[in-house]
């Protein structure tokens, strides 16, 4: 039997003071989900208020059957990003530690998502007795180093 899920990736993004959240990121995520490019498995957003120092923690909730939305967590220790067995897991302690390290006015987002676009490719590889032995993403510096002059 061939595997029917695409690669699962965790993306961690830090936002400095003055970041302006105008909905563009959410729009892009919605667009990618709407075209079946990705499927958001989980998402946790953390923000430390610049004035009060209070923590805002939002968690992705897709219990409604397809229309995921962010819901307020009662503190960062309630959330965790869970990947399939054997995959990377970002638990409540990790999220709490990240929240504790947030400077006032800064934010952090962790998103776990499946690359739906790669499902058929993975299936075709498996159907031809291919075996994935390495995968990963290159950061901007590595891509720049590979670029031809």
Protein backbone atom coordinates (compact mmCIF):
# COMPACT_ATOMS: atom_id res chain seq x y z
CA UNK A 1 0.00 0.00 0.00
CA UNK A 2 1.37 3.43 -0.90
CA UNK A 3 1.57 6.41 1.39
CA UNK A 4 -1.24 8.90 0.85
CA UNK A 5 0.05 11.95 2.70
CA UNK A 6 2.36 14.62 1.42
CA UNK A 7 5.45 15.79 3.26
CA UNK A 8 4.68 17.50 6.57
CA UNK A 9 6.65 20.62 7.41
CA UNK A 10 6.94 22.79 10.50
CA UNK A 11 7.52 26.47 9.90
CA UNK A 12 8.63 28.76 12.74
CA UNK A 13 8.57 32.51 12.11
CA UNK A 14 9.63 35.35 14.41
CA UNK A 15 8.23 38.86 14.03
CA UNK A 16 10.02 41.88 15.46
CA UNK A 17 8.61 45.00 17.04
CA UNK A 18 6.47 47.01 14.71
CA UNK A 19 5.23 44.06 12.66
CA UNK A 20 1.97 45.03 11.04
CA UNK A 21 -0.51 42.17 10.89
CA UNK A 22 -2.99 43.27 8.25
CA UNK A 23 -4.25 39.83 7.23
CA UNK A 24 -1.91 39.23 4.29
CA UNK A 25 -0.35 36.13 5.85
CA UNK A 26 -3.75 34.64 6.68
CA UNK A 27 -4.93 35.43 3.13
CA UNK A 28 -1.95 33.59 1.65
CA UNK A 29 -2.52 30.57 3.90
CA UNK A 30 -6.21 30.57 2.91
CA UNK A 31 -5.24 30.80 -0.77
CA UNK A 32 -2.82 27.86 -0.47
CA UNK A 33 -5.41 25.77 1.34
CA UNK A 34 -8.12 26.80 -1.15
CA UNK A 35 -6.04 25.54 -4.07
CA UNK A 36 -5.20 22.27 -2.26
CA UNK A 37 -1.52 23.19 -2.21
CA UNK A 38 -1.22 22.76 1.57
CA UNK A 39 -3.35 21.56 4.47
CA UNK A 40 -2.78 23.31 7.79
CA UNK A 41 -2.55 20.68 10.50
CA UNK A 42 -1.95 23.10 13.35
CA UNK A 43 -0.84 26.65 13.98
CA UNK A 44 0.08 28.52 17.16
CA UNK A 45 0.59 32.30 17.19
CA UNK A 46 2.18 34.05 20.20
CA UNK A 47 2.44 37.80 20.83
CA UNK A 48 3.80 39.64 23.86
CA UNK A 49 2.11 43.03 24.34
CA UNK A 50 4.64 45.85 24.20
CA UNK A 51 2.99 47.88 26.98
CA UNK A 52 1.53 45.35 29.42
CA UNK A 53 3.85 42.43 28.71
CA UNK A 54 0.83 40.11 28.62
CA UNK A 55 0.92 37.12 26.33
CA UNK A 56 -1.64 36.58 23.58
CA UNK A 57 -1.70 32.96 22.40
CA UNK A 58 -3.87 31.82 19.51
CA UNK A 59 -4.30 28.22 18.35
CA UNK A 60 -5.66 26.89 15.06
CA UNK A 61 -9.00 25.10 15.44
CA UNK A 62 -10.33 23.03 12.56
CA UNK A 63 -12.92 21.10 14.55
CA UNK A 64 -15.68 22.70 12.49
CA UNK A 65 -14.88 20.52 9.48
CA UNK A 66 -12.76 22.50 7.08
CA UNK A 67 -12.99 26.16 8.05
CA UNK A 68 -10.04 26.49 10.41
CA UNK A 69 -9.87 29.54 12.65
CA UNK A 70 -7.64 30.88 15.39
CA UNK A 71 -8.97 30.64 18.94
CA UNK A 72 -7.61 32.21 22.08
CA UNK A 73 -5.64 29.87 24.33
CA UNK A 74 -5.79 30.20 28.09
CA UNK A 75 -2.03 30.68 28.28
CA UNK A 76 0.55 29.17 25.97
CA UNK A 77 0.76 25.91 27.89
CA UNK A 78 -2.53 24.66 26.42
CA UNK A 79 -1.29 24.40 22.86
CA UNK A 80 0.87 21.89 21.09
CA UNK A 81 1.67 21.10 17.52
CA UNK A 82 1.28 17.42 16.85
CA UNK A 83 2.64 15.65 13.80
CA UNK A 84 2.06 12.04 12.75
CA UNK A 85 3.88 9.33 14.72
CA UNK A 86 7.63 9.52 14.30
CA UNK A 87 7.57 13.07 12.99
CA UNK A 88 8.69 16.26 14.68
CA UNK A 89 6.51 17.31 17.60
CA UNK A 90 6.40 20.71 19.21
CA UNK A 91 4.78 20.27 22.59
CA UNK A 92 3.32 22.51 25.26
CA UNK A 93 6.67 22.87 27.04
CA UNK A 94 8.34 24.04 23.83
CA UNK A 95 5.60 26.59 23.21
CA UNK A 96 5.74 27.79 26.82
CA UNK A 97 9.53 28.22 26.55
CA UNK A 98 9.16 30.18 23.30
CA UNK A 99 6.48 32.36 24.91
CA UNK A 100 8.68 33.03 27.94
CA UNK A 101 11.48 34.22 25.66
CA UNK A 102 9.32 36.64 23.67
CA UNK A 103 10.37 40.24 24.14
CA UNK A 104 7.59 42.83 24.55
CA UNK A 105 6.19 43.85 21.17
CA UNK A 106 7.39 40.73 19.36
CA UNK A 107 5.51 37.73 17.99
CA UNK A 108 6.14 34.17 16.95
CA UNK A 109 4.20 31.70 14.83
CA UNK A 110 4.55 27.94 14.50
CA UNK A 111 2.69 26.27 11.65
CA UNK A 112 2.52 22.56 10.89
CA UNK A 113 1.22 21.77 7.42
CA UNK A 114 1.07 19.04 4.82
CA UNK A 115 2.25 19.66 1.26
CA UNK A 116 -0.79 18.33 -0.62
CA UNK A 117 0.80 19.08 -3.99
CA UNK A 118 3.40 16.35 -3.31
CA UNK A 119 0.97 13.50 -2.52
CA UNK A 120 0.80 12.15 -6.08
CA UNK A 121 4.55 12.53 -6.56
CA UNK A 122 5.23 10.55 -3.38
CA UNK A 123 2.71 7.92 -4.45
CA UNK A 124 4.34 7.61 -7.90
CA UNK A 125 7.77 7.20 -6.33
CA UNK A 126 6.49 4.52 -3.94
CA UNK A 127 4.59 2.73 -6.72
CA UNK A 128 7.88 2.46 -8.61
CA UNK A 129 9.67 0.96 -5.59
CA UNK A 130 11.38 4.24 -4.88
CA UNK A 131 12.36 4.97 -1.30
CA UNK A 132 12.79 8.44 0.11
CA UNK A 133 16.13 8.53 1.90
CA UNK A 134 16.57 12.28 2.42
CA UNK A 135 14.44 15.39 2.27
CA UNK A 136 14.63 18.91 3.57
CA UNK A 137 14.41 22.54 2.69
CA UNK A 138 17.27 24.90 1.98
CA UNK A 139 17.42 28.22 3.78
CA UNK A 140 18.00 31.49 1.90
CA UNK A 141 21.77 31.42 2.50
CA UNK A 142 22.09 27.90 1.06
CA UNK A 143 20.01 28.83 -1.99
CA UNK A 144 22.16 31.93 -2.52
CA UNK A 145 25.32 29.82 -2.31
CA UNK A 146 23.96 27.48 -5.01
CA UNK A 147 22.97 30.30 -7.38
CA UNK A 148 25.05 30.68 -10.50
CA UNK A 149 26.82 34.01 -10.96
